[in-house]
Amino acid sequence: MASANAIMQTDETLLCCSCQKSFLFSVHEKQIHFQKGYQNKPKRCPACRKKRMNGEDSIADSMTDRDLLLEMGKVVGEMRIFVEKEIRSLSTDVQELQRIVQAQSKSGKEPS
């Protein structure tokens, strides 16, 4: 395993979490990063960092494909639950109407 000093003395290629492109994390950038007190490596390439700082990124830009799929799955699940509730409600309404029609036909009244 490489020492921390050796890692600080070599350029590193990282993968941007927004655009999925590789970018260089140079020795010089590492030194600045360390001086600012950052402990984690950057997640975004310089272009995506700039977009994010300018408020140009969307929530989708900052999410990974896995995150997007999980979010979509939640939405689909919520929609399914909503539709199932609506179907149960409509089914109950239909059953109630059927009872009313049956009761009226037994009493000889025309349904209104």
C-alpha atoms as a PDB file:
ATOM      1  CA  MET A   1       0.000   0.000   0.000  1.00  0.00           C
ATOM      2  CA  ALA A   2       1.344   3.434  -0.936  1.00  0.00           C
ATOM      3  CA  SER A   3       2.151   5.902   1.807  1.00  0.00           C
ATOM      4  CA  ALA A   4       0.125   9.096   2.215  1.00  0.00           C
ATOM      5  CA  ASN A   5       3.172  11.129   1.192  1.00  0.00           C
ATOM      6  CA  ALA A   6       3.600   9.103  -2.024  1.00  0.00           C
ATOM      7  CA  ILE A   7      -0.073   9.583  -2.853  1.00  0.00           C
ATOM      8  CA  MET A   8       0.265  13.345  -2.317  1.00  0.00           C
ATOM      9  CA  GLN A   9       3.237  13.402  -4.737  1.00  0.00           C
ATOM     10  CA  THR A  10       1.446  11.816  -7.724  1.00  0.00           C
ATOM     11  CA  ASP A  11      -1.305  12.974 -10.037  1.00  0.00           C
ATOM     12  CA  GLU A  12      -4.489  10.958  -9.837  1.00  0.00           C
ATOM     13  CA  THR A  13      -7.280  10.305 -12.324  1.00  0.00           C
ATOM     14  CA  LEU A  14     -10.760  10.491 -10.767  1.00  0.00           C
ATOM     15  CA  LEU A  15     -14.266   9.917 -12.138  1.00  0.00           C
ATOM     16  CA  CYS A  16     -16.771  12.795 -11.972  1.00  0.00           C
ATOM     17  CA  CYS A  17     -20.037  11.791 -10.269  1.00  0.00           C
ATOM     18  CA  SER A  18     -22.013  14.281 -12.387  1.00  0.00           C
ATOM     19  CA  CYS A  19     -20.801  13.770 -15.951  1.00  0.00           C
ATOM     20  CA  GLN A  20     -19.071  10.390 -15.477  1.00  0.00           C
ATOM     21  CA  LYS A  21     -15.915  11.680 -17.222  1.00  0.00           C
ATOM     22  CA  SER A  22     -12.377  11.202 -15.941  1.00  0.00           C
ATOM     23  CA  PHE A  23     -10.468  14.210 -14.659  1.00  0.00           C
ATOM     24  CA  LEU A  24      -6.987  14.822 -13.319  1.00  0.00           C
ATOM     25  CA  PHE A  25      -6.463  15.571  -9.621  1.00  0.00           C
ATOM     26  CA  SER A  26      -2.947  16.986  -9.853  1.00  0.00           C
ATOM     27  CA  VAL A  27      -0.288  17.203  -7.155  1.00  0.00           C
ATOM     28  CA  HIS A  28      -0.747  20.983  -7.120  1.00  0.00           C
ATOM     29  CA  GLU A  29      -4.538  20.628  -6.675  1.00  0.00           C
ATOM     30  CA  LYS A  30      -3.973  18.077  -3.901  1.00  0.00           C
ATOM     31  CA  GLN A  31      -1.754  20.554  -2.040  1.00  0.00           C
ATOM     32  CA  ILE A  32      -4.383  23.311  -2.307  1.00  0.00           C
ATOM     33  CA  HIS A  33      -7.084  20.838  -1.288  1.00  0.00           C
ATOM     34  CA  PHE A  34      -5.051  19.806   1.765  1.00  0.00           C
ATOM     35  CA  GLN A  35      -4.282  23.440   2.715  1.00  0.00           C
ATOM     36  CA  LYS A  36      -8.000  24.244   2.667  1.00  0.00           C
ATOM     37  CA  GLY A  37      -8.561  21.390   5.101  1.00  0.00           C
ATOM     38  CA  TYR A  38     -10.527  19.158   2.729  1.00  0.00           C
ATOM     39  CA  GLN A  39     -10.195  15.502   3.620  1.00  0.00           C
ATOM     40  CA  ASN A  40     -12.065  13.866   0.748  1.00  0.00           C
ATOM     41  CA  LYS A  41     -11.090  13.819  -2.902  1.00  0.00           C
ATOM     42  CA  PRO A  42     -13.219  15.962  -5.215  1.00  0.00           C
ATOM     43  CA  LYS A  43     -16.274  14.176  -6.617  1.00  0.00           C
ATOM     44  CA  ARG A  44     -16.761  16.472  -9.596  1.00  0.00           C
ATOM     45  CA  CYS A  45     -14.521  17.584 -12.440  1.00  0.00           C
ATOM     46  CA  PRO A  46     -13.646  21.307 -12.609  1.00  0.00           C
ATOM     47  CA  ALA A  47     -16.361  21.997 -15.226  1.00  0.00           C
ATOM     48  CA  CYS A  48     -19.101  20.347 -13.135  1.00  0.00           C
ATOM     49  CA  ARG A  49     -17.824  22.049  -9.958  1.00  0.00           C
ATOM     50  CA  LYS A  50     -18.096  25.404 -11.718  1.00  0.00           C
ATOM     51  CA  LYS A  51     -21.620  24.600 -12.939  1.00  0.00           C
ATOM     52  CA  ARG A  52     -22.609  23.552  -9.425  1.00  0.00           C
ATOM     53  CA  MET A  53     -21.173  26.722  -7.872  1.00  0.00           C
ATOM     54  CA  ASN A  54     -23.075  28.827 -10.424  1.00  0.00           C
ATOM     55  CA  GLY A  55     -26.296  26.944  -9.686  1.00  0.00           C
ATOM     56  CA  GLU A  56     -26.452  25.551 -13.212  1.00  0.00           C
ATOM     57  CA  ASP A  57     -26.646  21.886 -12.256  1.00  0.00           C
ATOM     58  CA  SER A  58     -29.940  20.138 -11.824  1.00  0.00           C
ATOM     59  CA  ILE A  59     -30.669  17.589  -9.145  1.00  0.00           C
ATOM     60  CA  ALA A  60     -30.341  14.904 -11.817  1.00  0.00           C
ATOM     61  CA  ASP A  61     -26.837  16.132 -12.655  1.00  0.00           C
ATOM     62  CA  SER A  62     -25.702  15.546  -9.101  1.00  0.00           C
ATOM     63  CA  MET A  63     -27.235  12.093  -8.850  1.00  0.00           C
ATOM     64  CA  THR A  64     -25.691   8.881 -10.074  1.00  0.00           C
ATOM     65  CA  ASP A  65     -27.611   6.550 -12.375  1.00  0.00           C
ATOM     66  CA  ARG A  66     -28.247   4.287  -9.387  1.00  0.00           C
ATOM     67  CA  ASP A  67     -29.658   7.208  -7.381  1.00  0.00           C
ATOM     68  CA  LEU A  68     -31.908   8.189 -10.285  1.00  0.00           C
ATOM     69  CA  LEU A  69     -33.179   4.632 -10.648  1.00  0.00           C
ATOM     70  CA  LEU A  70     -33.880   4.412  -6.923  1.00  0.00           C
ATOM     71  CA  GLU A  71     -35.735   7.735  -7.040  1.00  0.00           C
ATOM     72  CA  MET A  72     -37.749   6.621 -10.070  1.00  0.00           C
ATOM     73  CA  GLY A  73     -38.561   3.367  -8.288  1.00  0.00           C
ATOM     74  CA  LYS A  74     -39.900   5.322  -5.312  1.00  0.00           C
ATOM     75  CA  VAL A  75     -42.083   7.445  -7.590  1.00  0.00           C
ATOM     76  CA  VAL A  76     -43.412   4.373  -9.399  1.00  0.00           C
ATOM     77  CA  GLY A  77     -44.091   2.695  -6.049  1.00  0.00           C
ATOM     78  CA  GLU A  78     -45.965   5.765  -4.786  1.00  0.00           C
ATOM     79  CA  MET A  79     -47.985   5.897  -8.019  1.00  0.00           C
ATOM     80  CA  ARG A  80     -48.847   2.199  -7.700  1.00  0.00           C
ATOM     81  CA  ILE A  81     -50.068   2.707  -4.134  1.00  0.00           C
ATOM     82  CA  PHE A  82     -52.169   5.714  -5.234  1.00  0.00           C
ATOM     83  CA  VAL A  83     -53.706   3.790  -8.154  1.00  0.00           C
ATOM     84  CA  GLU A  84     -54.478   0.782  -5.964  1.00  0.00           C
ATOM     85  CA  LYS A  85     -56.252   3.023  -3.426  1.00  0.00           C
ATOM     86  CA  GLU A  86     -58.262   4.672  -6.212  1.00  0.00           C
ATOM     87  CA  ILE A  87     -59.248   1.275  -7.619  1.00  0.00           C
ATOM     88  CA  ARG A  88     -60.381   0.081  -4.170  1.00  0.00           C
ATOM     89  CA  SER A  89     -62.359   3.296  -3.718  1.00  0.00           C
ATOM     90  CA  LEU A  90     -64.023   2.945  -7.129  1.00  0.00           C
ATOM     91  CA  SER A  91     -64.731  -0.721  -6.471  1.00  0.00           C
ATOM     92  CA  THR A  92     -66.448   0.224  -3.208  1.00  0.00           C
ATOM     93  CA  ASP A  93     -68.481   2.883  -5.053  1.00  0.00           C
ATOM     94  CA  VAL A  94     -69.523   0.354  -7.718  1.00  0.00           C
ATOM     95  CA  GLN A  95     -70.550  -2.176  -5.066  1.00  0.00           C
ATOM     96  CA  GLU A  96     -72.612   0.479  -3.273  1.00  0.00           C
ATOM     97  CA  LEU A  97     -74.349   1.446  -6.527  1.00  0.00           C
ATOM     98  CA  GLN A  98     -75.074  -2.218  -7.252  1.00  0.00           C
ATOM     99  CA  ARG A  99     -76.689  -2.598  -3.793  1.00  0.00           C
ATOM    100  CA  ILE A 100     -78.823   0.491  -4.384  1.00  0.00           C
ATOM    101  CA  VAL A 101     -79.963  -0.785  -7.802  1.00  0.00           C
ATOM    102  CA  GLN A 102     -80.735  -4.233  -6.356  1.00  0.00           C
ATOM    103  CA  ALA A 103     -82.675  -2.735  -3.441  1.00  0.00           C
ATOM    104  CA  GLN A 104     -84.678  -0.522  -5.793  1.00  0.00           C
ATOM    105  CA  SER A 105     -85.423  -3.385  -8.184  1.00  0.00           C
ATOM    106  CA  LYS A 106     -86.625  -5.572  -5.292  1.00  0.00           C
ATOM    107  CA  SER A 107     -88.942  -2.827  -4.092  1.00  0.00           C
ATOM    108  CA  GLY A 108     -90.241  -2.292  -7.626  1.00  0.00           C
ATOM    109  CA  LYS A 109     -88.865   1.217  -7.982  1.00  0.00           C
ATOM    110  CA  GLU A 110     -87.103   2.354 -11.130  1.00  0.00           C
ATOM    111  CA  PRO A 111     -83.454   3.323 -10.578  1.00  0.00           C
ATOM    112  CA  SER A 112     -83.008   7.054 -10.711  1.00  0.00           C
END
